[in-house]
Amino acid sequence: MAFAPETVDTHQVKEVFLIKVTRNKNPHSPRSMYPVMMAFFWQRAVVLSLSAAMLIYADMKLDCRPDSVTVVWTEGRSQADLSLFRLGSCFPTSFSATQAVFRVDFNDCNFRRLVTGDNLMYSNDLTYGSSDSPSLSFTHPVVCAFARPKDWYPMIYDPMFNTHGVGHLVFHIALMNDDFSGPAESTTFALGSFIPIMASVSQKTHQPLLLLLEECVAATTPELQPKSLVYPIIANKGCLVDSRMSGSKFEPRQKSSELQLSLQTFRFGLGQEVFIHCKLVAWDPNGLDRTKKACHYVKEHGWELLDNYAYSTLCDCCDSDCKSRRTRSIESGI
């Protein structure tokens, strides 16, 4: 089912559609249908060669420019999923079965800048994290060094810890087919099967946005009320808590502005309409923290961060309380 985009002034949008979940009451009875209503609520170069730690099955090439760099990682291991590579906070610009390519500016991806004497250096980390094969995870340095221009001086600026933008965002949500390549052909799902759901935000002229699902609950009413029976799906600022007891999971991202969820149908409100209420957030891709994240539970490894396995410690709070860390007050001493 496709949805027409809706322009909104806030970071939330609501879409409603009907699906049906089928279940066998016993092995000899015909399947019975249970309607489920789902409502979704809703940022001249010298390359320093540090190849001593280079994996023998891979090759990295750098093309350093004054304001940008191109990193090409060629992988010789057939089991590696190159979509899992990250350069700092950036996703691959493109990837194939054998290569991951990043074309990025030094102002992006959390590059570090160091000025020493006549040298100007930019550095970052290329990371690979695989929950299926933790032994294959690694970090590799990426460094570009330049002769410092004679007329170059550091910019004078007021420090800012967060970037804020105001504007209209267009959100999309849809049921998809099994491989997320197009809209679902049916809204009927067997109990225990997976419901492919894709949400996205149109970036337009916005700064790059990262789409996150902050919370989702199943309820027996179209509006959340004190009398509503509820079942948590996503809670604690982005933790897919349903994945603790099911096969539900976030799928690897193809774009930062899209999020794909495979939600396993569950026993809740059988015989009743069930409404799924979700809150979507568009966020700065460089601003992931305990309150802005996408985490799911992998049975063999525990909680994992979707967007960078190497930083899965952001998910450690999923079994407790994912609040912002309190900053120390000079006046109160707290």
C-alpha atoms as a PDB file:
ATOM      1  CA  MET A   1       0.000   0.000   0.000  1.00  0.00           C
ATOM      2  CA  ALA A   2       1.443   3.352  -0.994  1.00  0.00           C
ATOM      3  CA  PHE A   3       0.920   6.591   0.886  1.00  0.00           C
ATOM      4  CA  ALA A   4       0.842  10.130  -0.461  1.00  0.00           C
ATOM      5  CA  PRO A   5       3.525  12.259   1.214  1.00  0.00           C
ATOM      6  CA  GLU A   6       2.296  14.795   3.706  1.00  0.00           C
ATOM      7  CA  THR A   7       4.091  18.017   4.579  1.00  0.00           C
ATOM      8  CA  VAL A   8       4.112  18.756   8.282  1.00  0.00           C
ATOM      9  CA  ASP A   9       5.500  21.406  10.586  1.00  0.00           C
ATOM     10  CA  THR A  10       6.628  18.937  13.227  1.00  0.00           C
ATOM     11  CA  HIS A  11       8.762  15.820  13.202  1.00  0.00           C
ATOM     12  CA  GLN A  12       5.752  13.506  13.499  1.00  0.00           C
ATOM     13  CA  VAL A  13       3.302  12.172  10.922  1.00  0.00           C
ATOM     14  CA  LYS A  14       0.412   9.719  11.200  1.00  0.00           C
ATOM     15  CA  GLU A  15      -0.600   7.055   8.685  1.00  0.00           C
ATOM     16  CA  VAL A  16      -3.190   4.322   9.139  1.00  0.00           C
ATOM     17  CA  PHE A  17      -3.607   1.091   7.206  1.00  0.00           C
ATOM     18  CA  LEU A  18      -5.225  -2.296   7.747  1.00  0.00           C
ATOM     19  CA  ILE A  19      -3.496  -5.651   7.772  1.00  0.00           C
ATOM     20  CA  LYS A  20      -4.740  -9.095   8.703  1.00  0.00           C
ATOM     21  CA  VAL A  21      -2.909 -11.690  10.763  1.00  0.00           C
ATOM     22  CA  THR A  22      -3.845 -15.333  10.233  1.00  0.00           C
ATOM     23  CA  ARG A  23      -3.462 -18.082  12.817  1.00  0.00           C
ATOM     24  CA  ASN A  24      -4.212 -21.815  12.950  1.00  0.00           C
ATOM     25  CA  LYS A  25      -6.360 -22.525  16.013  1.00  0.00           C
ATOM     26  CA  ASN A  26      -5.328 -26.179  15.735  1.00  0.00           C
ATOM     27  CA  PRO A  27      -3.517 -28.244  13.083  1.00  0.00           C
ATOM     28  CA  HIS A  28      -6.836 -29.438  11.556  1.00  0.00           C
ATOM     29  CA  SER A  29      -8.839 -26.224  11.449  1.00  0.00           C
ATOM     30  CA  PRO A  30      -8.836 -23.586   8.700  1.00  0.00           C
ATOM     31  CA  ARG A  31      -6.951 -20.402   9.348  1.00  0.00           C
ATOM     32  CA  SER A  32      -8.916 -17.615  10.946  1.00  0.00           C
ATOM     33  CA  MET A  33      -8.337 -13.971  10.129  1.00  0.00           C
ATOM     34  CA  TYR A  34      -7.633 -11.282  12.711  1.00  0.00           C
ATOM     35  CA  PRO A  35      -7.656  -7.662  11.558  1.00  0.00           C
ATOM     36  CA  VAL A  36      -4.826  -5.506  12.799  1.00  0.00           C
ATOM     37  CA  MET A  37      -4.908  -1.738  12.385  1.00  0.00           C
ATOM     38  CA  MET A  38      -1.499  -0.119  12.382  1.00  0.00           C
ATOM     39  CA  ALA A  39      -1.149   3.618  12.995  1.00  0.00           C
ATOM     40  CA  PHE A  40       2.276   5.148  12.636  1.00  0.00           C
ATOM     41  CA  PHE A  41       3.102   8.415  14.449  1.00  0.00           C
ATOM     42  CA  TRP A  42       5.501  10.173  13.486  1.00  0.00           C
ATOM     43  CA  GLN A  43      19.494  14.748   9.572  1.00  0.00           C
ATOM     44  CA  ARG A  44      49.008  18.859  -3.081  1.00  0.00           C
ATOM     45  CA  ALA A  45      48.327  16.139  -0.518  1.00  0.00           C
ATOM     46  CA  VAL A  46      50.656  13.714   1.216  1.00  0.00           C
ATOM     47  CA  VAL A  47      48.986  10.492   2.299  1.00  0.00           C
ATOM     48  CA  LEU A  48      50.509   9.054   5.438  1.00  0.00           C
ATOM     49  CA  SER A  49      50.644   5.334   4.873  1.00  0.00           C
ATOM     50  CA  LEU A  50      49.704   3.390   7.974  1.00  0.00           C
ATOM     51  CA  SER A  51      49.489   0.060   6.246  1.00  0.00           C
ATOM     52  CA  ALA A  52      51.196  -2.032   8.887  1.00  0.00           C
ATOM     53  CA  ALA A  53      47.802  -3.005  10.275  1.00  0.00           C
ATOM     54  CA  MET A  54      46.239  -3.567   6.844  1.00  0.00           C
ATOM     55  CA  LEU A  55      44.474  -6.865   6.531  1.00  0.00           C
ATOM     56  CA  ILE A  56      46.197  -9.130   4.045  1.00  0.00           C
ATOM     57  CA  TYR A  57      42.916  -9.828   2.287  1.00  0.00           C
ATOM     58  CA  ALA A  58      42.039  -6.176   1.669  1.00  0.00           C
ATOM     59  CA  ASP A  59      43.351  -2.999   0.105  1.00  0.00           C
ATOM     60  CA  MET A  60      42.621   0.649   0.877  1.00  0.00           C
ATOM     61  CA  LYS A  61      43.230   3.565  -1.490  1.00  0.00           C
ATOM     62  CA  LEU A  62      42.995   7.238  -0.568  1.00  0.00           C
ATOM     63  CA  ASP A  63      42.586  10.252  -2.820  1.00  0.00           C
ATOM     64  CA  CYS A  64      43.147  13.290  -0.607  1.00  0.00           C
ATOM     65  CA  ARG A  65      41.990  16.689  -1.881  1.00  0.00           C
ATOM     66  CA  PRO A  66      42.216  20.049  -0.097  1.00  0.00           C
ATOM     67  CA  ASP A  67      38.632  19.845   1.189  1.00  0.00           C
ATOM     68  CA  SER A  68      37.647  16.214   0.711  1.00  0.00           C
ATOM     69  CA  VAL A  69      38.816  12.632   0.482  1.00  0.00           C
ATOM     70  CA  THR A  70      37.819   9.524  -1.445  1.00  0.00           C
ATOM     71  CA  VAL A  71      38.372   6.218   0.347  1.00  0.00           C
ATOM     72  CA  VAL A  72      38.085   2.963  -1.609  1.00  0.00           C
ATOM     73  CA  TRP A  73      38.220  -0.249   0.405  1.00  0.00           C
ATOM     74  CA  THR A  74      38.557  -3.409  -1.682  1.00  0.00           C
ATOM     75  CA  GLU A  75      37.677  -6.559   0.218  1.00  0.00           C
ATOM     76  CA  GLY A  76      38.846 -10.063  -0.599  1.00  0.00           C
ATOM     77  CA  ARG A  77      36.695 -11.913   1.934  1.00  0.00           C
ATOM     78  CA  SER A  78      33.478 -13.180   0.413  1.00  0.00           C
ATOM     79  CA  GLN A  79      31.687 -13.271   3.777  1.00  0.00           C
ATOM     80  CA  ALA A  80      32.149  -9.547   4.467  1.00  0.00           C
ATOM     81  CA  ASP A  81      29.069  -7.297   4.214  1.00  0.00           C
ATOM     82  CA  LEU A  82      30.530  -4.037   2.906  1.00  0.00           C
ATOM     83  CA  SER A  83      27.421  -2.044   3.802  1.00  0.00           C
ATOM     84  CA  LEU A  84      28.614  -2.305   7.438  1.00  0.00           C
ATOM     85  CA  PHE A  85      31.689  -0.120   6.839  1.00  0.00           C
ATOM     86  CA  ARG A  86      31.653   3.342   8.411  1.00  0.00           C
ATOM     87  CA  LEU A  87      34.060   6.241   7.971  1.00  0.00           C
ATOM     88  CA  GLY A  88      33.667   8.068  11.252  1.00  0.00           C
ATOM     89  CA  SER A  89      29.920   8.662  11.362  1.00  0.00           C
ATOM     90  CA  CYS A  90      29.365   8.343   7.603  1.00  0.00           C
ATOM     91  CA  PHE A  91      27.828   5.500   5.634  1.00  0.00           C
ATOM     92  CA  PRO A  92      29.425   4.349   2.374  1.00  0.00           C
ATOM     93  CA  THR A  93      28.657   6.594  -0.572  1.00  0.00           C
ATOM     94  CA  SER A  94      28.382   3.385  -2.576  1.00  0.00           C
ATOM     95  CA  PHE A  95      29.243  -0.266  -2.094  1.00  0.00           C
ATOM     96  CA  SER A  96      29.289  -3.530  -4.012  1.00  0.00           C
ATOM     97  CA  ALA A  97      30.180  -7.122  -3.224  1.00  0.00           C
ATOM     98  CA  THR A  98      33.896  -6.253  -3.205  1.00  0.00           C
ATOM     99  CA  GLN A  99      34.237  -2.493  -2.592  1.00  0.00           C
ATOM    100  CA  ALA A 100      33.061   0.182  -0.190  1.00  0.00           C
ATOM    101  CA  VAL A 101      33.537   3.759  -1.416  1.00  0.00           C
ATOM    102  CA  PHE A 102      33.383   6.980   0.605  1.00  0.00           C
ATOM    103  CA  ARG A 103      33.449  10.430  -1.054  1.00  0.00           C
ATOM    104  CA  VAL A 104      33.195  12.914   1.782  1.00  0.00           C
ATOM    105  CA  ASP A 105      34.235  16.396   2.881  1.00  0.00           C
ATOM    106  CA  PHE A 106      36.546  16.929   5.830  1.00  0.00           C
ATOM    107  CA  ASN A 107      33.762  18.943   7.482  1.00  0.00           C
ATOM    108  CA  ASP A 108      31.652  15.775   7.640  1.00  0.00           C
ATOM    109  CA  CYS A 109      31.956  12.354   9.291  1.00  0.00           C
ATOM    110  CA  ASN A 110      33.614  13.716  12.469  1.00  0.00           C
ATOM    111  CA  PHE A 111      37.046  14.170  10.919  1.00  0.00           C
ATOM    112  CA  ARG A 112      39.696  15.391  13.349  1.00  0.00           C
ATOM    113  CA  ARG A 113      41.935  18.298  12.310  1.00  0.00           C
ATOM    114  CA  LEU A 114      45.426  18.780  13.697  1.00  0.00           C
ATOM    115  CA  VAL A 115      47.726  21.706  12.891  1.00  0.00           C
ATOM    116  CA  THR A 116      51.392  21.308  13.784  1.00  0.00           C
ATOM    117  CA  GLY A 117      53.967  23.738  12.475  1.00  0.00           C
ATOM    118  CA  ASP A 118      53.776  23.700   8.690  1.00  0.00           C
ATOM    119  CA  ASN A 119      51.476  20.676   8.504  1.00  0.00           C
ATOM    120  CA  LEU A 120      47.701  20.403   8.351  1.00  0.00           C
ATOM    121  CA  MET A 121      46.379  16.903   9.069  1.00  0.00           C
ATOM    122  CA  TYR A 122      42.907  15.339   8.876  1.00  0.00           C
ATOM    123  CA  SER A 123      42.292  11.946  10.468  1.00  0.00           C
ATOM    124  CA  ASN A 124      39.423   9.552  10.999  1.00  0.00           C
ATOM    125  CA  ASP A 125      38.717   5.856  11.578  1.00  0.00           C
ATOM    126  CA  LEU A 126      37.386   3.371   9.067  1.00  0.00           C
ATOM    127  CA  THR A 127      35.467   0.764  11.056  1.00  0.00           C
ATOM    128  CA  TYR A 128      33.847  -2.536  10.207  1.00  0.00           C
ATOM    129  CA  GLY A 129      31.498  -4.283  12.589  1.00  0.00           C
ATOM    130  CA  SER A 130      29.744  -7.584  11.987  1.00  0.00           C
ATOM    131  CA  SER A 131      27.498  -9.190  14.574  1.00  0.00           C
ATOM    132  CA  ASP A 132      27.566 -12.437  12.602  1.00  0.00           C
ATOM    133  CA  SER A 133      31.379 -12.587  12.693  1.00  0.00           C
ATOM    134  CA  PRO A 134      32.713 -10.432  15.560  1.00  0.00           C
ATOM    135  CA  SER A 135      36.237 -11.664  14.873  1.00  0.00           C
ATOM    136  CA  LEU A 136      36.132  -9.813  11.534  1.00  0.00           C
ATOM    137  CA  SER A 137      35.452  -6.439  13.188  1.00  0.00           C
ATOM    138  CA  PHE A 138      38.303  -3.940  13.048  1.00  0.00           C
ATOM    139  CA  THR A 139      39.273  -0.260  12.925  1.00  0.00           C
ATOM    140  CA  HIS A 140      41.712   1.200  10.379  1.00  0.00           C
ATOM    141  CA  PRO A 141      43.124   4.761  10.429  1.00  0.00           C
ATOM    142  CA  VAL A 142      42.508   7.158   7.557  1.00  0.00           C
ATOM    143  CA  VAL A 143      44.925  10.103   7.484  1.00  0.00           C
ATOM    144  CA  CYS A 144      45.516  12.924   4.987  1.00  0.00           C
ATOM    145  CA  ALA A 145      48.336  15.429   5.571  1.00  0.00           C
ATOM    146  CA  PHE A 146      48.906  18.685   3.692  1.00  0.00           C
ATOM    147  CA  ALA A 147      51.468  21.449   3.667  1.00  0.00           C
ATOM    148  CA  ARG A 148      49.860  24.232   5.646  1.00  0.00           C
ATOM    149  CA  PRO A 149      48.970  27.135   3.302  1.00  0.00           C
ATOM    150  CA  LYS A 150      50.820  30.302   4.247  1.00  0.00           C
ATOM    151  CA  ASP A 151      47.582  32.272   4.450  1.00  0.00           C
ATOM    152  CA  TRP A 152      45.700  29.619   6.419  1.00  0.00           C
ATOM    153  CA  TYR A 153      44.458  30.488   9.904  1.00  0.00           C
ATOM    154  CA  PRO A 154      41.928  28.703  12.119  1.00  0.00           C
ATOM    155  CA  MET A 155      38.376  29.965  11.781  1.00  0.00           C
ATOM    156  CA  ILE A 156      37.044  32.033  14.651  1.00  0.00           C
ATOM    157  CA  TYR A 157      33.680  30.647  15.674  1.00  0.00           C
ATOM    158  CA  ASP A 158      31.314  30.247  18.582  1.00  0.00           C
ATOM    159  CA  PRO A 159      31.343  26.606  19.678  1.00  0.00           C
ATOM    160  CA  MET A 160      28.091  24.706  19.218  1.00  0.00           C
ATOM    161  CA  PHE A 161      27.396  21.222  20.473  1.00  0.00           C
ATOM    162  CA  ASN A 162      24.251  20.594  18.442  1.00  0.00           C
ATOM    163  CA  THR A 163      22.981  21.652  15.038  1.00  0.00           C
ATOM    164  CA  HIS A 164      19.356  22.680  14.807  1.00  0.00           C
ATOM    165  CA  GLY A 165      17.222  23.298  11.746  1.00  0.00           C
ATOM    166  CA  VAL A 166      13.651  24.473  11.231  1.00  0.00           C
ATOM    167  CA  GLY A 167      11.613  23.570   8.193  1.00  0.00           C
ATOM    168  CA  HIS A 168       9.064  21.267   6.647  1.00  0.00           C
ATOM    169  CA  LEU A 169       9.792  17.548   6.584  1.00  0.00           C
ATOM    170  CA  VAL A 170       7.949  14.994   4.488  1.00  0.00           C
ATOM    171  CA  PHE A 171       7.655  11.553   6.082  1.00  0.00           C
ATOM    172  CA  HIS A 172       6.697   8.309   4.355  1.00  0.00           C
ATOM    173  CA  ILE A 173       5.629   4.945   5.770  1.00  0.00           C
ATOM    174  CA  ALA A 174       4.546   1.813   3.915  1.00  0.00           C
ATOM    175  CA  LEU A 175       4.149  -1.930   4.072  1.00  0.00           C
ATOM    176  CA  MET A 176       6.691  -3.489   1.730  1.00  0.00           C
ATOM    177  CA  ASN A 177       7.227  -6.788  -0.029  1.00  0.00           C
ATOM    178  CA  ASP A 178       9.645  -9.348   1.380  1.00  0.00           C
ATOM    179  CA  ASP A 179      12.824  -7.760  -0.030  1.00  0.00           C
ATOM    180  CA  PHE A 180      11.719  -4.121   0.505  1.00  0.00           C
ATOM    181  CA  SER A 181      11.935  -3.477  -3.240  1.00  0.00           C
ATOM    182  CA  GLY A 182       8.342  -2.318  -3.592  1.00  0.00           C
ATOM    183  CA  PRO A 183       4.950  -1.993  -1.894  1.00  0.00           C
ATOM    184  CA  ALA A 184       3.363  -5.070  -0.354  1.00  0.00           C
ATOM    185  CA  GLU A 185       0.980  -6.938  -2.630  1.00  0.00           C
ATOM    186  CA  SER A 186      -1.086  -8.162   0.312  1.00  0.00           C
ATOM    187  CA  THR A 187      -1.999  -6.871   3.759  1.00  0.00           C
ATOM    188  CA  THR A 188      -2.548 -10.372   5.168  1.00  0.00           C
ATOM    189  CA  PHE A 189       0.199 -11.992   7.235  1.00  0.00           C
ATOM    190  CA  ALA A 190       0.358 -15.343   9.006  1.00  0.00           C
ATOM    191  CA  LEU A 191       0.948 -15.345  12.744  1.00  0.00           C
ATOM    192  CA  GLY A 192       4.697 -15.645  13.276  1.00  0.00           C
ATOM    193  CA  SER A 193       5.582 -14.273   9.841  1.00  0.00           C
ATOM    194  CA  PHE A 194       7.300 -10.940   9.263  1.00  0.00           C
ATOM    195  CA  ILE A 195       5.725  -7.620   8.361  1.00  0.00           C
ATOM    196  CA  PRO A 196       8.223  -5.591   6.276  1.00  0.00           C
ATOM    197  CA  ILE A 197       7.827  -1.894   7.109  1.00  0.00           C
ATOM    198  CA  MET A 198       9.839   0.959   5.649  1.00  0.00           C
ATOM    199  CA  ALA A 199       9.801   4.529   6.925  1.00  0.00           C
ATOM    200  CA  SER A 200      11.669   7.456   5.423  1.00  0.00           C
ATOM    201  CA  VAL A 201      12.006  11.204   5.556  1.00  0.00           C
ATOM    202  CA  SER A 202      12.530  13.376   2.495  1.00  0.00           C
ATOM    203  CA  GLN A 203      15.646  15.470   3.064  1.00  0.00           C
ATOM    204  CA  LYS A 204      15.087  18.013   0.270  1.00  0.00           C
ATOM    205  CA  THR A 205      17.324  20.989   1.098  1.00  0.00           C
ATOM    206  CA  HIS A 206      17.775  19.917   4.711  1.00  0.00           C
ATOM    207  CA  GLN A 207      21.111  18.999   6.204  1.00  0.00           C
ATOM    208  CA  PRO A 208      21.569  15.183   6.089  1.00  0.00           C
ATOM    209  CA  LEU A 209      19.056  13.459   8.341  1.00  0.00           C
ATOM    210  CA  LEU A 210      19.047  10.123  10.147  1.00  0.00           C
ATOM    211  CA  LEU A 211      15.623   8.556  10.571  1.00  0.00           C
ATOM    212  CA  LEU A 212      14.998   6.857  13.919  1.00  0.00           C
ATOM    213  CA  LEU A 213      12.065   5.053  15.487  1.00  0.00           C
ATOM    214  CA  GLU A 214      11.953   6.387  19.023  1.00  0.00           C
ATOM    215  CA  GLU A 215       9.020   4.342  20.296  1.00  0.00           C
ATOM    216  CA  CYS A 216       6.274   1.992  19.091  1.00  0.00           C
ATOM    217  CA  VAL A 217       3.502   0.283  21.027  1.00  0.00           C
ATOM    218  CA  ALA A 218       0.637  -1.975  19.995  1.00  0.00           C
ATOM    219  CA  ALA A 219      -2.696  -0.994  21.532  1.00  0.00           C
ATOM    220  CA  THR A 220      -6.310  -2.101  21.377  1.00  0.00           C
ATOM    221  CA  THR A 221      -7.546   1.450  20.766  1.00  0.00           C
ATOM    222  CA  PRO A 222      -6.837   3.961  17.981  1.00  0.00           C
ATOM    223  CA  GLU A 223      -5.884   6.561  20.579  1.00  0.00           C
ATOM    224  CA  LEU A 224      -3.717   5.707  23.571  1.00  0.00           C
ATOM    225  CA  GLN A 225      -5.889   5.817  26.679  1.00  0.00           C
ATOM    226  CA  PRO A 226      -5.514   4.666  30.303  1.00  0.00           C
ATOM    227  CA  LYS A 227      -7.843   1.733  29.569  1.00  0.00           C
ATOM    228  CA  SER A 228      -5.884   0.639  26.487  1.00  0.00           C
ATOM    229  CA  LEU A 229      -4.120  -2.691  26.569  1.00  0.00           C
ATOM    230  CA  VAL A 230      -0.622  -2.051  25.253  1.00  0.00           C
ATOM    231  CA  TYR A 231       2.316  -4.143  24.097  1.00  0.00           C
ATOM    232  CA  PRO A 232       5.710  -2.395  23.731  1.00  0.00           C
ATOM    233  CA  ILE A 233       7.552  -2.911  20.445  1.00  0.00           C
ATOM    234  CA  ILE A 234      10.156  -0.137  20.567  1.00  0.00           C
ATOM    235  CA  ALA A 235      10.876   1.657  23.833  1.00  0.00           C
ATOM    236  CA  ASN A 236      13.634   3.334  25.818  1.00  0.00           C
ATOM    237  CA  LYS A 237      14.554   5.813  23.071  1.00  0.00           C
ATOM    238  CA  GLY A 238      15.063   3.458  20.148  1.00  0.00           C
ATOM    239  CA  CYS A 239      15.410  -0.044  21.655  1.00  0.00           C
ATOM    240  CA  LEU A 240      13.535  -2.715  19.697  1.00  0.00           C
ATOM    241  CA  VAL A 241      12.444  -4.517  22.858  1.00  0.00           C
ATOM    242  CA  ASP A 242      10.285  -6.963  20.907  1.00  0.00           C
ATOM    243  CA  SER A 243      13.501  -8.426  19.458  1.00  0.00           C
ATOM    244  CA  ARG A 244      14.345  -9.816  22.919  1.00  0.00           C
ATOM    245  CA  MET A 245      11.646 -12.476  22.508  1.00  0.00           C
ATOM    246  CA  SER A 246      11.092 -12.668  18.757  1.00  0.00           C
ATOM    247  CA  GLY A 247      12.864 -12.460  15.432  1.00  0.00           C
ATOM    248  CA  SER A 248      12.009  -8.792  14.896  1.00  0.00           C
ATOM    249  CA  LYS A 249      14.958  -6.714  13.736  1.00  0.00           C
ATOM    250  CA  PHE A 250      16.084  -3.568  11.983  1.00  0.00           C
ATOM    251  CA  GLU A 251      17.458  -4.287   8.521  1.00  0.00           C
ATOM    252  CA  PRO A 252      20.848  -2.838   7.440  1.00  0.00           C
ATOM    253  CA  ARG A 253      20.412   0.733   6.253  1.00  0.00           C
ATOM    254  CA  GLN A 254      20.644   1.563   2.582  1.00  0.00           C
ATOM    255  CA  LYS A 255      20.193   5.296   3.227  1.00  0.00           C
ATOM    256  CA  SER A 256      20.470   7.299   6.423  1.00  0.00           C
ATOM    257  CA  SER A 257      17.040   8.828   5.749  1.00  0.00           C
ATOM    258  CA  GLU A 258      15.349   5.401   5.585  1.00  0.00           C
ATOM    259  CA  LEU A 259      14.673   2.764   8.219  1.00  0.00           C
ATOM    260  CA  GLN A 260      13.526  -0.777   7.458  1.00  0.00           C
ATOM    261  CA  LEU A 261      11.898  -2.896  10.151  1.00  0.00           C
ATOM    262  CA  SER A 262      11.026  -6.588   9.945  1.00  0.00           C
ATOM    263  CA  LEU A 263       8.351  -6.946  12.624  1.00  0.00           C
ATOM    264  CA  GLN A 264       7.380 -10.497  13.536  1.00  0.00           C
ATOM    265  CA  THR A 265       3.638 -10.798  14.089  1.00  0.00           C
ATOM    266  CA  PHE A 266       2.775 -11.570  17.696  1.00  0.00           C
ATOM    267  CA  ARG A 267      -0.076 -12.763  19.924  1.00  0.00           C
ATOM    268  CA  PHE A 268      -1.739  -9.591  21.151  1.00  0.00           C
ATOM    269  CA  GLY A 269      -5.394  -8.684  21.079  1.00  0.00           C
ATOM    270  CA  LEU A 270      -6.285 -11.687  18.933  1.00  0.00           C
ATOM    271  CA  GLY A 271      -9.765 -11.230  17.557  1.00  0.00           C
ATOM    272  CA  GLN A 272      -9.566  -7.462  18.044  1.00  0.00           C
ATOM    273  CA  GLU A 273      -8.327  -4.546  16.031  1.00  0.00           C
ATOM    274  CA  VAL A 274      -4.784  -3.723  17.071  1.00  0.00           C
ATOM    275  CA  PHE A 275      -3.314  -0.290  16.514  1.00  0.00           C
ATOM    276  CA  ILE A 276       0.437   0.268  16.294  1.00  0.00           C
ATOM    277  CA  HIS A 277       1.492   3.737  17.459  1.00  0.00           C
ATOM    278  CA  CYS A 278       4.994   4.843  16.455  1.00  0.00           C
ATOM    279  CA  LYS A 279       6.992   8.029  16.881  1.00  0.00           C
ATOM    280  CA  LEU A 280       9.602   8.770  14.210  1.00  0.00           C
ATOM    281  CA  VAL A 281      12.446  11.226  14.697  1.00  0.00           C
ATOM    282  CA  ALA A 282      14.691  12.834  12.076  1.00  0.00           C
ATOM    283  CA  TRP A 283      18.083  13.524  13.638  1.00  0.00           C
ATOM    284  CA  ASP A 284      21.652  14.637  12.973  1.00  0.00           C
ATOM    285  CA  PRO A 285      23.600  11.566  11.711  1.00  0.00           C
ATOM    286  CA  ASN A 286      26.586  12.709  13.784  1.00  0.00           C
ATOM    287  CA  GLY A 287      24.564  13.036  16.983  1.00  0.00           C
ATOM    288  CA  LEU A 288      23.909   9.446  18.057  1.00  0.00           C
ATOM    289  CA  ASP A 289      23.743   8.969  21.811  1.00  0.00           C
ATOM    290  CA  ARG A 290      21.796   7.013  24.445  1.00  0.00           C
ATOM    291  CA  THR A 291      18.584   8.864  23.554  1.00  0.00           C
ATOM    292  CA  LYS A 292      18.988   8.929  19.760  1.00  0.00           C
ATOM    293  CA  LYS A 293      19.755   5.466  18.423  1.00  0.00           C
ATOM    294  CA  ALA A 294      18.382   2.331  16.754  1.00  0.00           C
ATOM    295  CA  CYS A 295      19.171  -0.849  18.720  1.00  0.00           C
ATOM    296  CA  HIS A 296      18.010  -4.427  18.340  1.00  0.00           C
ATOM    297  CA  TYR A 297      18.786  -7.591  20.259  1.00  0.00           C
ATOM    298  CA  VAL A 298      20.839 -10.330  18.599  1.00  0.00           C
ATOM    299  CA  LYS A 299      20.465 -13.595  20.462  1.00  0.00           C
ATOM    300  CA  GLU A 300      24.143 -14.596  20.305  1.00  0.00           C
ATOM    301  CA  HIS A 301      25.623 -11.167  21.039  1.00  0.00           C
ATOM    302  CA  GLY A 302      23.139  -8.992  22.940  1.00  0.00           C
ATOM    303  CA  TRP A 303      22.124  -5.426  22.111  1.00  0.00           C
ATOM    304  CA  GLU A 304      23.632  -3.973  18.937  1.00  0.00           C
ATOM    305  CA  LEU A 305      23.597  -0.505  17.415  1.00  0.00           C
ATOM    306  CA  LEU A 306      22.198  -0.618  13.889  1.00  0.00           C
ATOM    307  CA  ASP A 307      24.287   2.216  12.512  1.00  0.00           C
ATOM    308  CA  ASN A 308      27.703   1.215  13.819  1.00  0.00           C
ATOM    309  CA  TYR A 309      28.307  -2.111  15.555  1.00  0.00           C
ATOM    310  CA  ALA A 310      31.546  -0.755  17.033  1.00  0.00           C
ATOM    311  CA  TYR A 311      29.534   1.706  19.173  1.00  0.00           C
ATOM    312  CA  SER A 312      26.988  -0.781  20.504  1.00  0.00           C
ATOM    313  CA  THR A 313      27.737   0.380  24.049  1.00  0.00           C
ATOM    314  CA  LEU A 314      25.134   3.087  23.343  1.00  0.00           C
ATOM    315  CA  CYS A 315      22.619   0.232  23.598  1.00  0.00           C
ATOM    316  CA  ASP A 316      23.764  -0.960  27.030  1.00  0.00           C
ATOM    317  CA  CYS A 317      20.972   1.052  28.634  1.00  0.00           C
ATOM    318  CA  CYS A 318      18.238  -0.824  26.734  1.00  0.00           C
ATOM    319  CA  ASP A 319      17.714  -3.127  29.717  1.00  0.00           C
ATOM    320  CA  SER A 320      17.560  -0.218  32.168  1.00  0.00           C
ATOM    321  CA  ASP A 321      16.765   3.433  31.427  1.00  0.00           C
ATOM    322  CA  CYS A 322      18.172   5.339  28.434  1.00  0.00           C
ATOM    323  CA  LYS A 323      18.181   8.872  29.750  1.00  0.00           C
ATOM    324  CA  SER A 324      20.631  11.597  28.857  1.00  0.00           C
ATOM    325  CA  ARG A 325      23.635  11.616  31.112  1.00  0.00           C
ATOM    326  CA  ARG A 326      23.414  14.438  33.620  1.00  0.00           C
ATOM    327  CA  THR A 327      26.042  17.114  33.273  1.00  0.00           C
ATOM    328  CA  ARG A 328      27.818  18.327  36.366  1.00  0.00           C
ATOM    329  CA  SER A 329      26.601  21.659  37.643  1.00  0.00           C
ATOM    330  CA  ILE A 330      29.336  24.021  38.855  1.00  0.00           C
ATOM    331  CA  GLU A 331      26.946  25.864  41.155  1.00  0.00           C
ATOM    332  CA  SER A 332      25.240  22.845  42.694  1.00  0.00           C
ATOM    333  CA  GLY A 333      28.233  20.543  42.623  1.00  0.00           C
ATOM    334  CA  ILE A 334      26.002  17.739  41.342  1.00  0.00           C
END
